[in-house]
Amino acid sequence: MSREVLSIWTVYQYPKDYPAQFVARRFESTNPPTATTDFFLADDLNGIREQLPGGLHCLSREAGDDPVIVESWL
């Protein structure tokens, strides 16, 4: 039986590869999670949020997350 893979969008503020922008990167919820080549860039957080697919739920960052992680969307 085939299972649909859940996408997780992680939002970063000023990561090393884009030090002046916000970035949203899509991961797939495999074991372990798999990074995809899908991403969005924006100058601010609202710009990223506007590009994310509709109907997602926001998860706040966890205390142990990398400091550049802002939030994740499922």
PDB file of N, CA and C in Angstrom:
ATOM      1  N   MET A   1       0.842  -1.179   0.000  1.00  0.00           N
ATOM      2  CA  MET A   1       0.000   0.000   0.000  1.00  0.00           C
ATOM      3  C   MET A   1       0.890   1.248   0.000  1.00  0.00           C
ATOM      4  N   SER A   2       0.602   2.179  -0.875  1.00  0.00           N
ATOM      5  CA  SER A   2       1.375   3.412  -0.983  1.00  0.00           C
ATOM      6  C   SER A   2       0.828   4.442   0.002  1.00  0.00           C
ATOM      7  N   ARG A   3       1.729   5.130   0.689  1.00  0.00           N
ATOM      8  CA  ARG A   3       1.324   6.175   1.629  1.00  0.00           C
ATOM      9  C   ARG A   3       1.740   7.525   1.080  1.00  0.00           C
ATOM     10  N   GLU A   4       0.885   8.504   1.252  1.00  0.00           N
ATOM     11  CA  GLU A   4       1.211   9.859   0.828  1.00  0.00           C
ATOM     12  C   GLU A   4       2.239  10.442   1.798  1.00  0.00           C
ATOM     13  N   VAL A   5       3.205  11.144   1.262  1.00  0.00           N
ATOM     14  CA  VAL A   5       4.262  11.731   2.086  1.00  0.00           C
ATOM     15  C   VAL A   5       3.844  13.134   2.512  1.00  0.00           C
ATOM     16  N   LEU A   6       4.003  13.442   3.783  1.00  0.00           N
ATOM     17  CA  LEU A   6       3.682  14.755   4.327  1.00  0.00           C
ATOM     18  C   LEU A   6       4.811  15.727   4.012  1.00  0.00           C
ATOM     19  N   SER A   7       4.457  16.910   3.518  1.00  0.00           N
ATOM     20  CA  SER A   7       5.454  17.956   3.282  1.00  0.00           C
ATOM     21  C   SER A   7       5.547  18.854   4.502  1.00  0.00           C
ATOM     22  N   ILE A   8       6.755  19.235   4.841  1.00  0.00           N
ATOM     23  CA  ILE A   8       7.023  20.157   5.944  1.00  0.00           C
ATOM     24  C   ILE A   8       7.840  21.308   5.375  1.00  0.00           C
ATOM     25  N   TRP A   9       7.329  22.520   5.507  1.00  0.00           N
ATOM     26  CA  TRP A   9       8.060  23.703   5.063  1.00  0.00           C
ATOM     27  C   TRP A   9       8.718  24.333   6.286  1.00  0.00           C
ATOM     28  N   THR A  10      10.026  24.473   6.262  1.00  0.00           N
ATOM     29  CA  THR A  10      10.758  25.105   7.356  1.00  0.00           C
ATOM     30  C   THR A  10      11.214  26.478   6.891  1.00  0.00           C
ATOM     31  N   VAL A  11      10.935  27.493   7.710  1.00  0.00           N
ATOM     32  CA  VAL A  11      11.260  28.878   7.373  1.00  0.00           C
ATOM     33  C   VAL A  11      12.501  29.300   8.153  1.00  0.00           C
ATOM     34  N   TYR A  12      13.450  29.881   7.426  1.00  0.00           N
ATOM     35  CA  TYR A  12      14.729  30.321   7.989  1.00  0.00           C
ATOM     36  C   TYR A  12      14.880  31.829   7.814  1.00  0.00           C
ATOM     37  N   GLN A  13      15.473  32.479   8.803  1.00  0.00           N
ATOM     38  CA  GLN A  13      15.797  33.902   8.704  1.00  0.00           C
ATOM     39  C   GLN A  13      17.300  34.048   8.552  1.00  0.00           C
ATOM     40  N   TYR A  14      17.721  34.552   7.412  1.00  0.00           N
ATOM     41  CA  TYR A  14      19.123  34.848   7.105  1.00  0.00           C
ATOM     42  C   TYR A  14      20.056  33.639   7.256  1.00  0.00           C
ATOM     43  N   PRO A  15      19.745  32.523   6.588  1.00  0.00           N
ATOM     44  CA  PRO A  15      20.662  31.374   6.649  1.00  0.00           C
ATOM     45  C   PRO A  15      21.964  31.693   5.910  1.00  0.00           C
ATOM     46  N   LYS A  16      22.977  30.886   6.122  1.00  0.00           N
ATOM     47  CA  LYS A  16      24.301  31.147   5.535  1.00  0.00           C
ATOM     48  C   LYS A  16      24.271  31.253   4.017  1.00  0.00           C
ATOM     49  N   ASP A  17      23.434  30.448   3.352  1.00  0.00           N
ATOM     50  CA  ASP A  17      23.417  30.484   1.886  1.00  0.00           C
ATOM     51  C   ASP A  17      22.608  31.650   1.314  1.00  0.00           C
ATOM     52  N   TYR A  18      21.764  32.282   2.116  1.00  0.00           N
ATOM     53  CA  TYR A  18      21.012  33.478   1.721  1.00  0.00           C
ATOM     54  C   TYR A  18      21.012  34.448   2.906  1.00  0.00           C
ATOM     55  N   PRO A  19      22.147  35.081   3.209  1.00  0.00           N
ATOM     56  CA  PRO A  19      22.299  35.851   4.451  1.00  0.00           C
ATOM     57  C   PRO A  19      21.462  37.126   4.553  1.00  0.00           C
ATOM     58  N   ALA A  20      20.805  37.535   3.480  1.00  0.00           N
ATOM     59  CA  ALA A  20      19.999  38.753   3.541  1.00  0.00           C
ATOM     60  C   ALA A  20      18.517  38.478   3.288  1.00  0.00           C
ATOM     61  N   GLN A  21      18.119  37.193   3.304  1.00  0.00           N
ATOM     62  CA  GLN A  21      16.741  36.860   2.969  1.00  0.00           C
ATOM     63  C   GLN A  21      16.160  35.796   3.898  1.00  0.00           C
ATOM     64  N   PHE A  22      14.841  35.709   3.846  1.00  0.00           N
ATOM     65  CA  PHE A  22      14.123  34.607   4.473  1.00  0.00           C
ATOM     66  C   PHE A  22      13.996  33.503   3.431  1.00  0.00           C
ATOM     67  N   VAL A  23      14.055  32.260   3.882  1.00  0.00           N
ATOM     68  CA  VAL A  23      13.976  31.108   2.990  1.00  0.00           C
ATOM     69  C   VAL A  23      12.996  30.098   3.581  1.00  0.00           C
ATOM     70  N   ALA A  24      12.143  29.537   2.734  1.00  0.00           N
ATOM     71  CA  ALA A  24      11.297  28.403   3.124  1.00  0.00           C
ATOM     72  C   ALA A  24      11.757  27.210   2.302  1.00  0.00           C
ATOM     73  N   ARG A  25      12.083  26.114   2.973  1.00  0.00           N
ATOM     74  CA  ARG A  25      12.536  24.894   2.301  1.00  0.00           C
ATOM     75  C   ARG A  25      11.572  23.758   2.618  1.00  0.00           C
ATOM     76  N   ARG A  26      11.289  22.950   1.589  1.00  0.00           N
ATOM     77  CA  ARG A  26      10.357  21.837   1.780  1.00  0.00           C
ATOM     78  C   ARG A  26      11.110  20.546   2.060  1.00  0.00           C
ATOM     79  N   PHE A  27      10.652  19.856   3.087  1.00  0.00           N
ATOM     80  CA  PHE A  27      11.160  18.534   3.449  1.00  0.00           C
ATOM     81  C   PHE A  27      10.011  17.549   3.335  1.00  0.00           C
ATOM     82  N   GLU A  28      10.331  16.285   3.120  1.00  0.00           N
ATOM     83  CA  GLU A  28       9.330  15.226   3.123  1.00  0.00           C
ATOM     84  C   GLU A  28       9.505  14.400   4.384  1.00  0.00           C
ATOM     85  N   SER A  29       8.380  14.012   4.987  1.00  0.00           N
ATOM     86  CA  SER A  29       8.397  13.328   6.285  1.00  0.00           C
ATOM     87  C   SER A  29       8.683  11.835   6.140  1.00  0.00           C
ATOM     88  N   THR A  30       9.801  11.532   5.518  1.00  0.00           N
ATOM     89  CA  THR A  30      10.267  10.152   5.454  1.00  0.00           C
ATOM     90  C   THR A  30      11.132   9.901   6.684  1.00  0.00           C
ATOM     91  N   ASN A  31      11.653   8.707   6.837  1.00  0.00           N
ATOM     92  CA  ASN A  31      12.507   8.413   7.992  1.00  0.00           C
ATOM     93  C   ASN A  31      13.901   8.044   7.498  1.00  0.00           C
ATOM     94  N   PRO A  32      14.881   8.927   7.627  1.00  0.00           N
ATOM     95  CA  PRO A  32      14.826  10.281   8.191  1.00  0.00           C
ATOM     96  C   PRO A  32      14.189  11.261   7.208  1.00  0.00           C
ATOM     97  N   PRO A  33      13.807  12.481   7.669  1.00  0.00           N
ATOM     98  CA  PRO A  33      13.231  13.477   6.768  1.00  0.00           C
ATOM     99  C   PRO A  33      14.161  13.741   5.581  1.00  0.00           C
ATOM    100  N   THR A  34      13.552  13.964   4.426  1.00  0.00           N
ATOM    101  CA  THR A  34      14.308  14.169   3.199  1.00  0.00           C
ATOM    102  C   THR A  34      14.159  15.604   2.716  1.00  0.00           C
ATOM    103  N   ALA A  35      15.280  16.286   2.495  1.00  0.00           N
ATOM    104  CA  ALA A  35      15.248  17.628   1.920  1.00  0.00           C
ATOM    105  C   ALA A  35      14.895  17.515   0.441  1.00  0.00           C
ATOM    106  N   THR A  36      14.090  18.441  -0.049  1.00  0.00           N
ATOM    107  CA  THR A  36      13.775  18.504  -1.473  1.00  0.00           C
ATOM    108  C   THR A  36      14.504  19.709  -2.061  1.00  0.00           C
ATOM    109  N   THR A  37      14.361  19.914  -3.338  1.00  0.00           N
ATOM    110  CA  THR A  37      14.964  21.091  -3.976  1.00  0.00           C
ATOM    111  C   THR A  37      13.991  22.260  -4.027  1.00  0.00           C
ATOM    112  N   ASP A  38      12.811  22.118  -3.430  1.00  0.00           N
ATOM    113  CA  ASP A  38      11.790  23.170  -3.435  1.00  0.00           C
ATOM    114  C   ASP A  38      12.088  24.205  -2.359  1.00  0.00           C
ATOM    115  N   PHE A  39      12.085  25.481  -2.759  1.00  0.00           N
ATOM    116  CA  PHE A  39      12.280  26.550  -1.781  1.00  0.00           C
ATOM    117  C   PHE A  39      11.709  27.857  -2.313  1.00  0.00           C
ATOM    118  N   PHE A  40      11.440  28.789  -1.389  1.00  0.00           N
ATOM    119  CA  PHE A  40      10.992  30.142  -1.706  1.00  0.00           C
ATOM    120  C   PHE A  40      11.938  31.117  -1.030  1.00  0.00           C
ATOM    121  N   LEU A  41      12.107  32.291  -1.628  1.00  0.00           N
ATOM    122  CA  LEU A  41      12.893  33.374  -1.044  1.00  0.00           C
ATOM    123  C   LEU A  41      12.015  34.604  -0.896  1.00  0.00           C
ATOM    124  N   ALA A  42      12.285  35.401   0.141  1.00  0.00           N
ATOM    125  CA  ALA A  42      11.578  36.668   0.325  1.00  0.00           C
ATOM    126  C   ALA A  42      12.430  37.576   1.202  1.00  0.00           C
ATOM    127  N   ASP A  43      12.105  38.862   1.154  1.00  0.00           N
ATOM    128  CA  ASP A  43      12.831  39.836   1.967  1.00  0.00           C
ATOM    129  C   ASP A  43      12.332  39.893   3.401  1.00  0.00           C
ATOM    130  N   ASP A  44      11.128  39.370   3.651  1.00  0.00           N
ATOM    131  CA  ASP A  44      10.593  39.388   5.012  1.00  0.00           C
ATOM    132  C   ASP A  44       9.720  38.152   5.251  1.00  0.00           C
ATOM    133  N   LEU A  45       9.345  37.960   6.492  1.00  0.00           N
ATOM    134  CA  LEU A  45       8.575  36.779   6.873  1.00  0.00           C
ATOM    135  C   LEU A  45       7.212  36.736   6.185  1.00  0.00           C
ATOM    136  N   ASN A  46       6.535  37.872   6.097  1.00  0.00           N
ATOM    137  CA  ASN A  46       5.232  37.887   5.429  1.00  0.00           C
ATOM    138  C   ASN A  46       5.349  37.498   3.960  1.00  0.00           C
ATOM    139  N   GLY A  47       6.440  37.888   3.313  1.00  0.00           N
ATOM    140  CA  GLY A  47       6.667  37.509   1.922  1.00  0.00           C
ATOM    141  C   GLY A  47       6.784  36.003   1.757  1.00  0.00           C
ATOM    142  N   ILE A  48       7.416  35.350   2.713  1.00  0.00           N
ATOM    143  CA  ILE A  48       7.507  33.881   2.689  1.00  0.00           C
ATOM    144  C   ILE A  48       6.135  33.269   2.921  1.00  0.00           C
ATOM    145  N   ARG A  49       5.436  33.755   3.924  1.00  0.00           N
ATOM    146  CA  ARG A  49       4.123  33.187   4.257  1.00  0.00           C
ATOM    147  C   ARG A  49       3.147  33.294   3.089  1.00  0.00           C
ATOM    148  N   GLU A  50       3.226  34.369   2.317  1.00  0.00           N
ATOM    149  CA  GLU A  50       2.346  34.546   1.161  1.00  0.00           C
ATOM    150  C   GLU A  50       2.612  33.516   0.065  1.00  0.00           C
ATOM    151  N   GLN A  51       3.812  32.970   0.014  1.00  0.00           N
ATOM    152  CA  GLN A  51       4.171  32.006  -1.031  1.00  0.00           C
ATOM    153  C   GLN A  51       3.862  30.555  -0.659  1.00  0.00           C
ATOM    154  N   LEU A  52       3.663  30.289   0.621  1.00  0.00           N
ATOM    155  CA  LEU A  52       3.396  28.916   1.053  1.00  0.00           C
ATOM    156  C   LEU A  52       2.025  28.453   0.578  1.00  0.00           C
ATOM    157  N   PRO A  53       1.871  27.163   0.311  1.00  0.00           N
ATOM    158  CA  PRO A  53       0.558  26.647  -0.088  1.00  0.00           C
ATOM    159  C   PRO A  53      -0.492  26.918   0.989  1.00  0.00           C
ATOM    160  N   GLY A  54      -1.716  27.131   0.579  1.00  0.00           N
ATOM    161  CA  GLY A  54      -2.800  27.381   1.524  1.00  0.00           C
ATOM    162  C   GLY A  54      -3.143  26.148   2.347  1.00  0.00           C
ATOM    163  N   GLY A  55      -3.790  26.371   3.485  1.00  0.00           N
ATOM    164  CA  GLY A  55      -4.284  25.275   4.306  1.00  0.00           C
ATOM    165  C   GLY A  55      -3.269  24.645   5.233  1.00  0.00           C
ATOM    166  N   LEU A  56      -2.092  25.249   5.364  1.00  0.00           N
ATOM    167  CA  LEU A  56      -1.068  24.681   6.242  1.00  0.00           C
ATOM    168  C   LEU A  56      -1.234  25.190   7.665  1.00  0.00           C
ATOM    169  N   HIS A  57      -0.651  24.466   8.612  1.00  0.00           N
ATOM    170  CA  HIS A  57      -0.690  24.819  10.036  1.00  0.00           C
ATOM    171  C   HIS A  57       0.716  25.193  10.488  1.00  0.00           C
ATOM    172  N   CYS A  58       0.844  26.326  11.178  1.00  0.00           N
ATOM    173  CA  CYS A  58       2.151  26.818  11.625  1.00  0.00           C
ATOM    174  C   CYS A  58       2.557  26.199  12.961  1.00  0.00           C
ATOM    175  N   LEU A  59       3.807  25.746  13.016  1.00  0.00           N
ATOM    176  CA  LEU A  59       4.412  25.260  14.257  1.00  0.00           C
ATOM    177  C   LEU A  59       5.541  26.210  14.639  1.00  0.00           C
ATOM    178  N   SER A  60       5.523  26.704  15.861  1.00  0.00           N
ATOM    179  CA  SER A  60       6.594  27.586  16.332  1.00  0.00           C
ATOM    180  C   SER A  60       7.891  26.811  16.464  1.00  0.00           C
ATOM    181  N   ARG A  61       8.989  27.529  16.439  1.00  0.00           N
ATOM    182  CA  ARG A  61      10.294  26.889  16.593  1.00  0.00           C
ATOM    183  C   ARG A  61      10.410  26.285  17.988  1.00  0.00           C
ATOM    184  N   GLU A  62      11.209  25.250  18.095  1.00  0.00           N
ATOM    185  CA  GLU A  62      11.483  24.593  19.377  1.00  0.00           C
ATOM    186  C   GLU A  62      12.759  25.186  19.971  1.00  0.00           C
ATOM    187  N   ALA A  63      12.908  25.098  21.268  1.00  0.00           N
ATOM    188  CA  ALA A  63      14.074  25.672  21.948  1.00  0.00           C
ATOM    189  C   ALA A  63      15.396  25.135  21.406  1.00  0.00           C
ATOM    190  N   GLY A  64      15.447  23.886  20.988  1.00  0.00           N
ATOM    191  CA  GLY A  64      16.684  23.291  20.502  1.00  0.00           C
ATOM    192  C   GLY A  64      16.945  23.477  19.018  1.00  0.00           C
ATOM    193  N   ASP A  65      16.051  24.167  18.303  1.00  0.00           N
ATOM    194  CA  ASP A  65      16.231  24.379  16.863  1.00  0.00           C
ATOM    195  C   ASP A  65      17.415  25.294  16.586  1.00  0.00           C
ATOM    196  N   ASP A  66      17.949  25.174  15.389  1.00  0.00           N
ATOM    197  CA  ASP A  66      18.990  26.090  14.929  1.00  0.00           C
ATOM    198  C   ASP A  66      18.450  27.515  15.055  1.00  0.00           C
ATOM    199  N   PRO A  67      19.265  28.466  15.504  1.00  0.00           N
ATOM    200  CA  PRO A  67      18.782  29.840  15.713  1.00  0.00           C
ATOM    201  C   PRO A  67      18.189  30.510  14.470  1.00  0.00           C
ATOM    202  N   VAL A  68      18.549  30.084  13.271  1.00  0.00           N
ATOM    203  CA  VAL A  68      18.002  30.716  12.064  1.00  0.00           C
ATOM    204  C   VAL A  68      16.617  30.185  11.691  1.00  0.00           C
ATOM    205  N   ILE A  69      16.148  29.124  12.350  1.00  0.00           N
ATOM    206  CA  ILE A  69      14.806  28.602  12.077  1.00  0.00           C
ATOM    207  C   ILE A  69      13.775  29.487  12.769  1.00  0.00           C
ATOM    208  N   VAL A  70      12.784  29.932  11.985  1.00  0.00           N
ATOM    209  CA  VAL A  70      11.724  30.792  12.508  1.00  0.00           C
ATOM    210  C   VAL A  70      10.500  29.970  12.889  1.00  0.00           C
ATOM    211  N   GLU A  71      10.080  29.088  11.971  1.00  0.00           N
ATOM    212  CA  GLU A  71       8.864  28.306  12.169  1.00  0.00           C
ATOM    213  C   GLU A  71       8.816  27.216  11.111  1.00  0.00           C
ATOM    214  N   SER A  72       7.881  26.294  11.276  1.00  0.00           N
ATOM    215  CA  SER A  72       7.642  25.254  10.271  1.00  0.00           C
ATOM    216  C   SER A  72       6.153  25.199   9.986  1.00  0.00           C
ATOM    217  N   TRP A  73       5.818  24.728   8.777  1.00  0.00           N
ATOM    218  CA  TRP A  73       4.424  24.640   8.346  1.00  0.00           C
ATOM    219  C   TRP A  73       4.124  23.238   7.853  1.00  0.00           C
ATOM    220  N   LEU A  74       3.024  22.666   8.330  1.00  0.00           N
ATOM    221  CA  LEU A  74       2.569  21.336   7.914  1.00  0.00           C
ATOM    222  C   LEU A  74       1.245  21.462   7.188  1.00  0.00           C
TER     223      LEU A  74
END
